[in-house]
C-alpha atoms as a PDB file:
ATOM      1  CA  UNK A   1     -11.712-107.562  51.695  1.00  0.00           C
ATOM      2  CA  UNK A   2      -8.795-109.834  52.645  1.00  0.00           C
ATOM      3  CA  UNK A   3      -5.424-108.556  53.477  1.00  0.00           C
ATOM      4  CA  UNK A   4      -4.221-110.589  50.635  1.00  0.00           C
ATOM      5  CA  UNK A   5      -6.981-108.500  48.629  1.00  0.00           C
ATOM      6  CA  UNK A   6      -5.483-105.287  49.912  1.00  0.00           C
ATOM      7  CA  UNK A   7      -2.011-106.143  49.095  1.00  0.00           C
ATOM      8  CA  UNK A   8      -2.999-106.949  45.702  1.00  0.00           C
ATOM      9  CA  UNK A   9      -4.844-103.460  45.333  1.00  0.00           C
ATOM     10  CA  UNK A  10      -2.063-101.554  46.325  1.00  0.00           C
ATOM     11  CA  UNK A  11      -0.228-101.537  42.873  1.00  0.00           C
ATOM     12  CA  UNK A  12       2.335 -98.649  43.919  1.00  0.00           C
ATOM     13  CA  UNK A  13       3.918-100.590  46.465  1.00  0.00           C
ATOM     14  CA  UNK A  14       2.952-100.116  50.503  1.00  0.00           C
ATOM     15  CA  UNK A  15       1.988 -97.081  51.676  1.00  0.00           C
ATOM     16  CA  UNK A  16       4.611 -96.147  54.158  1.00  0.00           C
ATOM     17  CA  UNK A  17       4.284 -93.417  56.675  1.00  0.00           C
ATOM     18  CA  UNK A  18       6.130 -90.718  54.754  1.00  0.00           C
ATOM     19  CA  UNK A  19       4.290 -91.360  51.913  1.00  0.00           C
ATOM     20  CA  UNK A  20       0.942 -91.071  53.941  1.00  0.00           C
ATOM     21  CA  UNK A  21       1.947 -87.772  55.583  1.00  0.00           C
ATOM     22  CA  UNK A  22       2.866 -86.256  52.191  1.00  0.00           C
ATOM     23  CA  UNK A  23      -0.684 -87.245  50.828  1.00  0.00           C
ATOM     24  CA  UNK A  24      -2.362 -85.804  54.028  1.00  0.00           C
ATOM     25  CA  UNK A  25      -0.524 -82.576  53.509  1.00  0.00           C
ATOM     26  CA  UNK A  26      -1.264 -82.495  49.968  1.00  0.00           C
ATOM     27  CA  UNK A  27      -5.229 -82.745  51.211  1.00  0.00           C
ATOM     28  CA  UNK A  28      -4.434 -79.773  53.344  1.00  0.00           C
ATOM     29  CA  UNK A  29      -3.961 -81.005  56.563  1.00  0.00           C
ATOM     30  CA  UNK A  30      -1.585 -78.789  58.246  1.00  0.00           C
ATOM     31  CA  UNK A  31      -0.818 -78.473  62.050  1.00  0.00           C
ATOM     32  CA  UNK A  32      -3.158 -76.590  64.494  1.00  0.00           C
ATOM     33  CA  UNK A  33      -6.239 -77.714  62.861  1.00  0.00           C
ATOM     34  CA  UNK A  34      -9.230 -79.329  64.508  1.00  0.00           C
ATOM     35  CA  UNK A  35      -9.787 -82.422  62.501  1.00  0.00           C
ATOM     36  CA  UNK A  36     -12.733 -85.017  62.423  1.00  0.00           C
ATOM     37  CA  UNK A  37     -11.569 -87.806  60.643  1.00  0.00           C
ATOM     38  CA  UNK A  38     -13.928 -90.546  59.255  1.00  0.00           C
ATOM     39  CA  UNK A  39     -11.847 -93.594  57.808  1.00  0.00           C
ATOM     40  CA  UNK A  40     -11.321 -96.766  56.252  1.00  0.00           C
ATOM     41  CA  UNK A  41      -8.228 -98.523  56.543  1.00  0.00           C
ATOM     42  CA  UNK A  42      -8.479-101.030  53.708  1.00  0.00           C
ATOM     43  CA  UNK A  43      -9.515 -98.180  51.225  1.00  0.00           C
ATOM     44  CA  UNK A  44      -5.823 -96.597  51.714  1.00  0.00           C
ATOM     45  CA  UNK A  45      -4.396 -99.431  50.418  1.00  0.00           C
ATOM     46  CA  UNK A  46      -1.681-101.777  52.502  1.00  0.00           C
ATOM     47  CA  UNK A  47      -0.339 -99.459  54.942  1.00  0.00           C
ATOM     48  CA  UNK A  48       2.803-100.081  56.868  1.00  0.00           C
ATOM     49  CA  UNK A  49       2.427-100.630  60.380  1.00  0.00           C
ATOM     50  CA  UNK A  50      -1.539-100.599  59.892  1.00  0.00           C
ATOM     51  CA  UNK A  51      -4.322 -98.208  61.831  1.00  0.00           C
ATOM     52  CA  UNK A  52      -1.537 -97.551  64.247  1.00  0.00           C
ATOM     53  CA  UNK A  53       0.448 -95.695  61.436  1.00  0.00           C
ATOM     54  CA  UNK A  54      -2.500 -93.643  60.033  1.00  0.00           C
ATOM     55  CA  UNK A  55      -3.313 -92.175  63.464  1.00  0.00           C
ATOM     56  CA  UNK A  56       0.285 -91.285  64.129  1.00  0.00           C
ATOM     57  CA  UNK A  57       0.624 -89.862  61.052  1.00  0.00           C
ATOM     58  CA  UNK A  58      -2.720 -87.539  61.525  1.00  0.00           C
ATOM     59  CA  UNK A  59      -1.274 -86.319  64.778  1.00  0.00           C
ATOM     60  CA  UNK A  60       2.258 -85.852  63.773  1.00  0.00           C
ATOM     61  CA  UNK A  61       0.729 -83.449  61.232  1.00  0.00           C
ATOM     62  CA  UNK A  62      -1.643 -81.886  63.385  1.00  0.00           C
ATOM     63  CA  UNK A  63       0.894 -81.239  65.931  1.00  0.00           C
ATOM     64  CA  UNK A  64       0.662 -80.134  69.811  1.00  0.00           C
ATOM     65  CA  UNK A  65      -2.016 -77.037  68.629  1.00  0.00           C
ATOM     66  CA  UNK A  66      -3.886 -79.360  66.962  1.00  0.00           C
ATOM     67  CA  UNK A  67      -7.032 -81.550  67.576  1.00  0.00           C
ATOM     68  CA  UNK A  68      -7.892 -84.954  65.927  1.00  0.00           C
ATOM     69  CA  UNK A  69     -11.544 -86.312  66.668  1.00  0.00           C
ATOM     70  CA  UNK A  70     -12.859 -89.609  65.709  1.00  0.00           C
ATOM     71  CA  UNK A  71     -16.306 -91.173  65.570  1.00  0.00           C
ATOM     72  CA  UNK A  72     -16.631 -93.913  68.518  1.00  0.00           C
ATOM     73  CA  UNK A  73     -20.085 -94.708  68.125  1.00  0.00           C
ATOM     74  CA  UNK A  74     -21.883 -97.797  69.471  1.00  0.00           C
ATOM     75  CA  UNK A  75     -24.963 -98.383  68.054  1.00  0.00           C
ATOM     76  CA  UNK A  76     -25.370-102.004  69.422  1.00  0.00           C
ATOM     77  CA  UNK A  77     -26.129-100.373  72.985  1.00  0.00           C
ATOM     78  CA  UNK A  78     -29.849-100.301  71.719  1.00  0.00           C
ATOM     79  CA  UNK A  79     -33.029-101.954  71.702  1.00  0.00           C
ATOM     80  CA  UNK A  80     -32.469-105.223  69.616  1.00  0.00           C
ATOM     81  CA  UNK A  81     -35.834-105.218  68.324  1.00  0.00           C
ATOM     82  CA  UNK A  82     -34.623-102.163  66.154  1.00  0.00           C
ATOM     83  CA  UNK A  83     -31.526-103.989  65.137  1.00  0.00           C
ATOM     84  CA  UNK A  84     -31.588-104.843  61.103  1.00  0.00           C
ATOM     85  CA  UNK A  85     -27.576-105.040  60.536  1.00  0.00           C
ATOM     86  CA  UNK A  86     -27.965-108.139  61.768  1.00  0.00           C
ATOM     87  CA  UNK A  87     -31.206-108.609  63.008  1.00  0.00           C
ATOM     88  CA  UNK A  88     -31.358-111.343  65.821  1.00  0.00           C
ATOM     89  CA  UNK A  89     -34.441-113.396  66.674  1.00  0.00           C
ATOM     90  CA  UNK A  90     -37.191-112.206  68.631  1.00  0.00           C
ATOM     91  CA  UNK A  91     -36.776-114.892  71.404  1.00  0.00           C
ATOM     92  CA  UNK A  92     -33.297-112.978  72.068  1.00  0.00           C
ATOM     93  CA  UNK A  93     -34.558-109.500  72.750  1.00  0.00           C
ATOM     94  CA  UNK A  94     -35.268-110.188  76.257  1.00  0.00           C
ATOM     95  CA  UNK A  95     -32.053-111.555  77.255  1.00  0.00           C
ATOM     96  CA  UNK A  96     -30.137-109.100  74.987  1.00  0.00           C
ATOM     97  CA  UNK A  97     -31.774-106.498  76.959  1.00  0.00           C
ATOM     98  CA  UNK A  98     -30.993-107.885  80.409  1.00  0.00           C
ATOM     99  CA  UNK A  99     -27.555-108.589  79.858  1.00  0.00           C
ATOM    100  CA  UNK A 100     -26.086-106.124  77.485  1.00  0.00           C
ATOM    101  CA  UNK A 101     -23.405-104.510  79.622  1.00  0.00           C
ATOM    102  CA  UNK A 102     -23.458-100.485  80.126  1.00  0.00           C
ATOM    103  CA  UNK A 103     -21.421 -97.907  78.186  1.00  0.00           C
ATOM    104  CA  UNK A 104     -18.296 -97.329  79.670  1.00  0.00           C
ATOM    105  CA  UNK A 105     -16.140 -94.709  78.299  1.00  0.00           C
ATOM    106  CA  UNK A 106     -13.205 -96.585  78.886  1.00  0.00           C
ATOM    107  CA  UNK A 107     -13.804-100.053  77.879  1.00  0.00           C
ATOM    108  CA  UNK A 108     -17.153-100.374  75.061  1.00  0.00           C
ATOM    109  CA  UNK A 109     -15.680-100.846  71.881  1.00  0.00           C
ATOM    110  CA  UNK A 110     -16.623 -98.949  68.766  1.00  0.00           C
ATOM    111  CA  UNK A 111     -19.020-100.791  66.286  1.00  0.00           C
ATOM    112  CA  UNK A 112     -18.842-100.307  62.747  1.00  0.00           C
ATOM    113  CA  UNK A 113     -16.170 -97.386  62.938  1.00  0.00           C
ATOM    114  CA  UNK A 114     -13.488 -99.205  61.526  1.00  0.00           C
ATOM    115  CA  UNK A 115      -9.629-100.143  62.544  1.00  0.00           C
ATOM    116  CA  UNK A 116      -8.293 -96.798  62.868  1.00  0.00           C
ATOM    117  CA  UNK A 117     -11.053 -95.367  64.935  1.00  0.00           C
ATOM    118  CA  UNK A 118     -11.050 -98.122  67.278  1.00  0.00           C
ATOM    119  CA  UNK A 119      -7.139 -97.796  67.637  1.00  0.00           C
ATOM    120  CA  UNK A 120      -7.681 -94.013  68.051  1.00  0.00           C
ATOM    121  CA  UNK A 121     -10.150 -94.534  70.948  1.00  0.00           C
ATOM    122  CA  UNK A 122      -7.889 -97.069  72.931  1.00  0.00           C
ATOM    123  CA  UNK A 123      -4.735 -94.940  72.620  1.00  0.00           C
ATOM    124  CA  UNK A 124      -3.388 -93.165  75.758  1.00  0.00           C
ATOM    125  CA  UNK A 125      -4.301 -89.813  76.306  1.00  0.00           C
ATOM    126  CA  UNK A 126      -7.625 -90.028  74.119  1.00  0.00           C
ATOM    127  CA  UNK A 127     -10.350 -88.517  75.453  1.00  0.00           C
ATOM    128  CA  UNK A 128     -13.791 -89.922  75.024  1.00  0.00           C
ATOM    129  CA  UNK A 129     -17.387 -88.429  75.275  1.00  0.00           C
ATOM    130  CA  UNK A 130     -20.021 -89.919  77.161  1.00  0.00           C
ATOM    131  CA  UNK A 131     -22.858 -90.307  74.923  1.00  0.00           C
ATOM    132  CA  UNK A 132     -24.064 -93.933  74.871  1.00  0.00           C
ATOM    133  CA  UNK A 133     -24.804 -94.448  71.083  1.00  0.00           C
ATOM    134  CA  UNK A 134     -22.850 -91.082  69.336  1.00  0.00           C
ATOM    135  CA  UNK A 135     -19.692 -90.705  71.237  1.00  0.00           C
ATOM    136  CA  UNK A 136     -16.754 -89.388  69.884  1.00  0.00           C
ATOM    137  CA  UNK A 137     -12.900 -89.726  70.730  1.00  0.00           C
ATOM    138  CA  UNK A 138     -10.360 -86.571  70.894  1.00  0.00           C
ATOM    139  CA  UNK A 139      -7.107 -86.066  71.132  1.00  0.00           C
ATOM    140  CA  UNK A 140      -4.956 -82.468  71.151  1.00  0.00           C
ATOM    141  CA  UNK A 141      -5.154 -79.112  72.116  1.00  0.00           C
ATOM    142  CA  UNK A 142      -9.437 -78.972  72.279  1.00  0.00           C
ATOM    143  CA  UNK A 143      -9.853 -82.605  73.379  1.00  0.00           C
ATOM    144  CA  UNK A 144     -11.528 -81.869  76.992  1.00  0.00           C
ATOM    145  CA  UNK A 145     -13.830 -79.273  75.334  1.00  0.00           C
ATOM    146  CA  UNK A 146     -14.947 -81.169  72.646  1.00  0.00           C
ATOM    147  CA  UNK A 147     -15.533 -84.195  74.682  1.00  0.00           C
ATOM    148  CA  UNK A 148     -17.690 -82.460  77.171  1.00  0.00           C
ATOM    149  CA  UNK A 149     -20.844 -84.068  78.132  1.00  0.00           C
ATOM    150  CA  UNK A 150     -23.537 -84.214  75.481  1.00  0.00           C
ATOM    151  CA  UNK A 151     -27.191 -84.716  75.864  1.00  0.00           C
ATOM    152  CA  UNK A 152     -28.770 -88.072  76.127  1.00  0.00           C
ATOM    153  CA  UNK A 153     -31.781 -87.589  73.953  1.00  0.00           C
ATOM    154  CA  UNK A 154     -29.955 -86.039  70.897  1.00  0.00           C
ATOM    155  CA  UNK A 155     -26.436 -86.352  70.620  1.00  0.00           C
ATOM    156  CA  UNK A 156     -25.829 -84.918  67.258  1.00  0.00           C
ATOM    157  CA  UNK A 157     -27.645 -81.549  67.947  1.00  0.00           C
ATOM    158  CA  UNK A 158     -26.615 -77.938  68.596  1.00  0.00           C
ATOM    159  CA  UNK A 159     -24.552 -78.890  72.006  1.00  0.00           C
ATOM    160  CA  UNK A 160     -22.812 -82.040  70.698  1.00  0.00           C
ATOM    161  CA  UNK A 161     -19.006 -82.932  69.870  1.00  0.00           C
ATOM    162  CA  UNK A 162     -19.921 -81.942  66.203  1.00  0.00           C
ATOM    163  CA  UNK A 163     -21.209 -78.392  67.356  1.00  0.00           C
ATOM    164  CA  UNK A 164     -18.141 -77.839  69.443  1.00  0.00           C
ATOM    165  CA  UNK A 165     -15.880 -78.877  66.222  1.00  0.00           C
ATOM    166  CA  UNK A 166     -18.054 -76.573  64.233  1.00  0.00           C
ATOM    167  CA  UNK A 167     -17.539 -73.518  66.484  1.00  0.00           C
ATOM    168  CA  UNK A 168     -13.680 -74.203  66.584  1.00  0.00           C
ATOM    169  CA  UNK A 169     -13.919 -74.189  62.379  1.00  0.00           C
ATOM    170  CA  UNK A 170     -12.902 -77.622  62.403  1.00  0.00           C
ATOM    171  CA  UNK A 171     -12.639 -79.491  59.196  1.00  0.00           C
ATOM    172  CA  UNK A 172     -13.987 -83.150  58.216  1.00  0.00           C
ATOM    173  CA  UNK A 173     -11.440 -85.458  56.363  1.00  0.00           C
ATOM    174  CA  UNK A 174     -13.223 -88.625  54.600  1.00  0.00           C
ATOM    175  CA  UNK A 175      -9.899 -90.788  54.373  1.00  0.00           C
ATOM    176  CA  UNK A 176     -11.044 -93.804  52.092  1.00  0.00           C
ATOM    177  CA  UNK A 177     -14.970 -93.000  52.489  1.00  0.00           C
ATOM    178  CA  UNK A 178     -17.904 -91.066  51.087  1.00  0.00           C
ATOM    179  CA  UNK A 179     -20.331 -88.691  52.477  1.00  0.00           C
ATOM    180  CA  UNK A 180     -22.663 -91.338  53.266  1.00  0.00           C
ATOM    181  CA  UNK A 181     -20.126 -92.342  55.957  1.00  0.00           C
ATOM    182  CA  UNK A 182     -19.965 -88.661  57.585  1.00  0.00           C
ATOM    183  CA  UNK A 183     -22.070 -88.032  60.561  1.00  0.00           C
END
């Protein structure tokens, strides 16, 4: 969807930071929470300031005792023989295997996570877990605990970021996306 289409699909005017915070508060977001957010910027309508506004609104509402977490997955760091979105020609596989840069917590961008998660990942003060496929970024009180090392063989199990969020009585916010978009 183009930005013009997003504007046209925002009939009540632009989504301002104050409107966004009021809507998030009405959803139950409150200071001190641990919150895992899956998001779609275009689903929110045209937001003044875009992804940055959404990140700052969430952090402001959670406050210094809260923790914000977002998925920063990097599924392109895998065997290209298994890729389907998009598939690549067989003749490319070995070249990709030999030349794909390794995962770097500080540099490797997210893939398919959206503008809000990518903006959040790149923000100063945000920590990122080290799993090369199922990384998460966290900000706030419990960020260091949440982003501790994850096992490489199964990044979503009992000693994963998700398990740590669960133990902190964390909540999940599907902001503009459905359950199919949730880890």
